[in-house]
């Protein structure tokens, strides 16, 4: 289970990097740092720093198999760390999920108050998918911008920027 893929990029959360490395090393203890760096989309130096950190903390041991070939062994403490980091990740993911649903429900309430039952959602990725599903769950039709433009529909627009939602309700006076 890789938490962050190269196309998502890393934020500054060192724990997620450690978790990814531990997960990958558990899958393949003979993996090289270059392979790890490639899979995670980071520099080899970043992997090297994290591996040294994990070794220094007692979460990882290195066994030399040949002159230039290493095997990484996750210690019992490392397994406990991996489990804790995974649980923390899941907990924070659910917090974000609940936050996004709450924000989207607030947007939907505003749309309902303005007598709309459909809207346009601008954005993509996981945040947009959570918003889309929340809208559908609440009985809203989610219309794509192209269809709305073709049918000259005046609908509220929800723009997604990061974790923020910006609602624009059409001005009926025009």
Protein backbone atom coordinates (compact mmCIF):
# COMPACT_ATOMS: atom_id res chain seq x y z
CA UNK A 1 0.00 0.00 0.00
CA UNK A 2 1.78 3.11 -1.19
CA UNK A 3 0.25 6.18 0.43
CA UNK A 4 1.64 8.79 -1.96
CA UNK A 5 2.26 8.11 -5.60
CA UNK A 6 4.71 10.17 -7.68
CA UNK A 7 1.88 11.97 -9.48
CA UNK A 8 0.45 13.15 -6.17
CA UNK A 9 3.78 14.46 -4.94
CA UNK A 10 4.93 14.68 -1.38
CA UNK A 11 3.94 17.31 1.05
CA UNK A 12 6.11 18.08 4.05
CA UNK A 13 4.78 15.18 6.08
CA UNK A 14 7.84 13.12 6.97
CA UNK A 15 5.68 10.44 8.61
CA UNK A 16 4.00 9.64 5.30
CA UNK A 17 7.39 9.28 3.64
CA UNK A 18 8.51 6.92 6.42
CA UNK A 19 5.28 4.95 6.08
CA UNK A 20 5.69 4.60 2.32
CA UNK A 21 9.29 3.45 2.70
CA UNK A 22 8.42 0.92 5.39
CA UNK A 23 5.53 -0.41 3.28
CA UNK A 24 7.73 -0.81 0.21
CA UNK A 25 10.54 -2.44 2.18
CA UNK A 26 8.09 -4.84 3.76
CA UNK A 27 7.00 -5.87 0.24
CA UNK A 28 10.57 -6.14 -1.05
CA UNK A 29 13.36 -6.07 1.58
CA UNK A 30 16.03 -6.40 -1.16
CA UNK A 31 14.89 -3.25 -2.91
CA UNK A 32 17.53 -0.63 -3.67
CA UNK A 33 17.27 3.00 -2.65
CA UNK A 34 17.16 3.90 -6.34
CA UNK A 35 14.14 1.65 -6.87
CA UNK A 36 12.42 3.11 -3.79
CA UNK A 37 13.14 6.65 -5.02
CA UNK A 38 11.72 5.81 -8.44
CA UNK A 39 8.55 4.26 -7.01
CA UNK A 40 7.95 7.25 -4.74
CA UNK A 41 9.04 9.89 -7.23
CA UNK A 42 11.70 11.43 -5.00
CA UNK A 43 15.47 11.79 -5.07
CA UNK A 44 17.68 8.94 -3.89
CA UNK A 45 19.12 11.34 -1.30
CA UNK A 46 15.64 11.71 0.21
CA UNK A 47 15.33 7.93 0.53
CA UNK A 48 18.85 7.72 1.96
CA UNK A 49 18.04 10.33 4.62
CA UNK A 50 14.84 8.52 5.63
CA UNK A 51 16.53 5.12 5.72
CA UNK A 52 19.31 6.49 7.96
CA UNK A 53 16.69 8.11 10.19
CA UNK A 54 14.76 4.82 10.45
CA UNK A 55 17.97 2.92 11.24
CA UNK A 56 19.05 5.48 13.86
CA UNK A 57 15.65 5.21 15.57
CA UNK A 58 15.83 1.39 15.59
CA UNK A 59 12.96 0.84 13.17
CA UNK A 60 15.10 -0.65 10.42
CA UNK A 61 18.24 -2.77 10.22
CA UNK A 62 20.50 -3.20 7.24
CA UNK A 63 22.12 -6.52 6.39
CA UNK A 64 24.86 -6.64 3.76
CA UNK A 65 24.26 -9.54 1.36
CA UNK A 66 27.07 -8.79 -1.08
CA UNK A 67 29.56 -5.99 -1.56
CA UNK A 68 26.96 -3.58 -2.95
CA UNK A 69 23.72 -5.43 -2.18
CA UNK A 70 21.75 -4.75 0.98
CA UNK A 71 18.71 -6.26 2.65
CA UNK A 72 16.47 -4.10 4.82
CA UNK A 73 14.94 -5.70 7.88
CA UNK A 74 12.04 -4.00 9.61
CA UNK A 75 12.40 -4.44 13.38
CA UNK A 76 9.43 -5.16 15.66
CA UNK A 77 9.58 -1.47 16.62
CA UNK A 78 9.48 -0.62 12.91
CA UNK A 79 6.40 -2.79 12.41
CA UNK A 80 4.73 -1.05 15.34
CA UNK A 81 5.66 2.34 13.83
CA UNK A 82 4.28 1.32 10.44
CA UNK A 83 1.01 0.27 12.06
CA UNK A 84 0.76 3.49 14.08
CA UNK A 85 1.54 5.64 11.03
CA UNK A 86 -1.04 3.77 8.93
CA UNK A 87 -3.72 4.22 11.61
CA UNK A 88 -2.82 7.92 11.92
CA UNK A 89 -3.07 8.30 8.15
CA UNK A 90 -6.48 6.65 8.04
CA UNK A 91 -7.69 8.80 10.95
CA UNK A 92 -6.57 12.04 9.29
CA UNK A 93 -8.04 10.92 5.94
CA UNK A 94 -11.43 10.38 7.55
CA UNK A 95 -11.21 13.77 9.24
CA UNK A 96 -10.59 15.37 5.84
CA UNK A 97 -13.43 13.35 4.31
CA UNK A 98 -15.86 14.50 7.02
CA UNK A 99 -14.67 18.12 6.67
CA UNK A 100 -15.23 18.07 2.89
CA UNK A 101 -18.69 16.54 3.25
CA UNK A 102 -19.62 19.18 5.83
CA UNK A 103 -18.43 21.98 3.52
CA UNK A 104 -20.26 20.53 0.54
CA UNK A 105 -23.47 20.11 2.55
CA UNK A 106 -23.22 23.77 3.53
CA UNK A 107 -22.88 24.71 -0.16
CA UNK A 108 -25.85 22.50 -1.02
CA UNK A 109 -27.95 24.16 1.69
CA UNK A 110 -27.20 27.54 0.11
CA UNK A 111 -28.21 26.16 -3.29
CA UNK A 112 -31.45 24.79 -1.85
CA UNK A 113 -32.23 28.13 -0.21
CA UNK A 114 -31.79 29.76 -3.65
CA UNK A 115 -34.23 27.12 -5.07
CA UNK A 116 -31.71 25.13 -7.12
CA UNK A 117 -31.61 21.33 -7.32
CA UNK A 118 -28.70 21.12 -9.78
CA UNK A 119 -25.25 22.65 -9.93
CA UNK A 120 -21.99 22.73 -11.84
CA UNK A 121 -18.92 21.32 -10.12
CA UNK A 122 -15.52 22.61 -11.32
CA UNK A 123 -12.65 20.45 -10.19
CA UNK A 124 -11.28 16.97 -10.40
CA UNK A 125 -9.61 14.38 -8.24
CA UNK A 126 -10.63 12.96 -4.90
CA UNK A 127 -12.00 16.21 -3.47
CA UNK A 128 -14.28 16.70 -6.47
CA UNK A 129 -15.42 13.09 -6.26
CA UNK A 130 -16.37 13.47 -2.59
CA UNK A 131 -18.27 16.67 -3.46
CA UNK A 132 -19.98 15.03 -6.42
CA UNK A 133 -21.10 12.02 -4.39
CA UNK A 134 -22.28 14.23 -1.54
CA UNK A 135 -24.34 16.28 -3.99
CA UNK A 136 -25.92 13.20 -5.54
CA UNK A 137 -26.59 11.75 -2.09
CA UNK A 138 -28.42 14.96 -1.15
CA UNK A 139 -30.60 14.72 -4.29
CA UNK A 140 -28.77 17.25 -6.49
CA UNK A 141 -28.00 16.83 -10.16
CA UNK A 142 -24.39 17.52 -10.99
CA UNK A 143 -24.18 19.03 -14.47
CA UNK A 144 -20.92 19.45 -16.36
CA UNK A 145 -20.01 22.95 -17.55
CA UNK A 146 -20.20 22.04 -21.25
CA UNK A 147 -23.74 20.67 -21.01
CA UNK A 148 -24.88 23.67 -18.97
CA UNK A 149 -23.41 26.06 -21.55
CA UNK A 150 -24.98 24.19 -24.49
CA UNK A 151 -28.41 24.26 -22.86
CA UNK A 152 -27.88 27.83 -21.60
CA UNK A 153 -28.61 26.72 -18.05
CA UNK A 154 -28.07 29.21 -15.25
CA UNK A 155 -26.85 27.09 -12.37
CA UNK A 156 -24.78 27.60 -9.25
CA UNK A 157 -21.11 26.83 -9.78
CA UNK A 158 -18.90 25.23 -7.14
CA UNK A 159 -15.21 25.82 -7.79
CA UNK A 160 -12.87 23.48 -5.94
CA UNK A 161 -9.47 24.85 -4.98
CA UNK A 162 -7.55 22.47 -2.75
CA UNK A 163 -9.86 21.73 0.15
CA UNK A 164 -11.85 24.94 -0.29
CA UNK A 165 -15.19 25.24 -2.06
CA UNK A 166 -16.30 28.50 -3.64
CA UNK A 167 -19.96 28.87 -4.57
CA UNK A 168 -21.23 31.29 -7.21
CA UNK A 169 -24.98 31.55 -7.53
CA UNK A 170 -26.26 33.12 -10.78
CA UNK A 171 -27.72 36.59 -10.57
CA UNK A 172 -31.33 36.25 -11.76
CA UNK A 173 -31.64 39.99 -12.38
CA UNK A 174 -29.73 39.73 -15.67
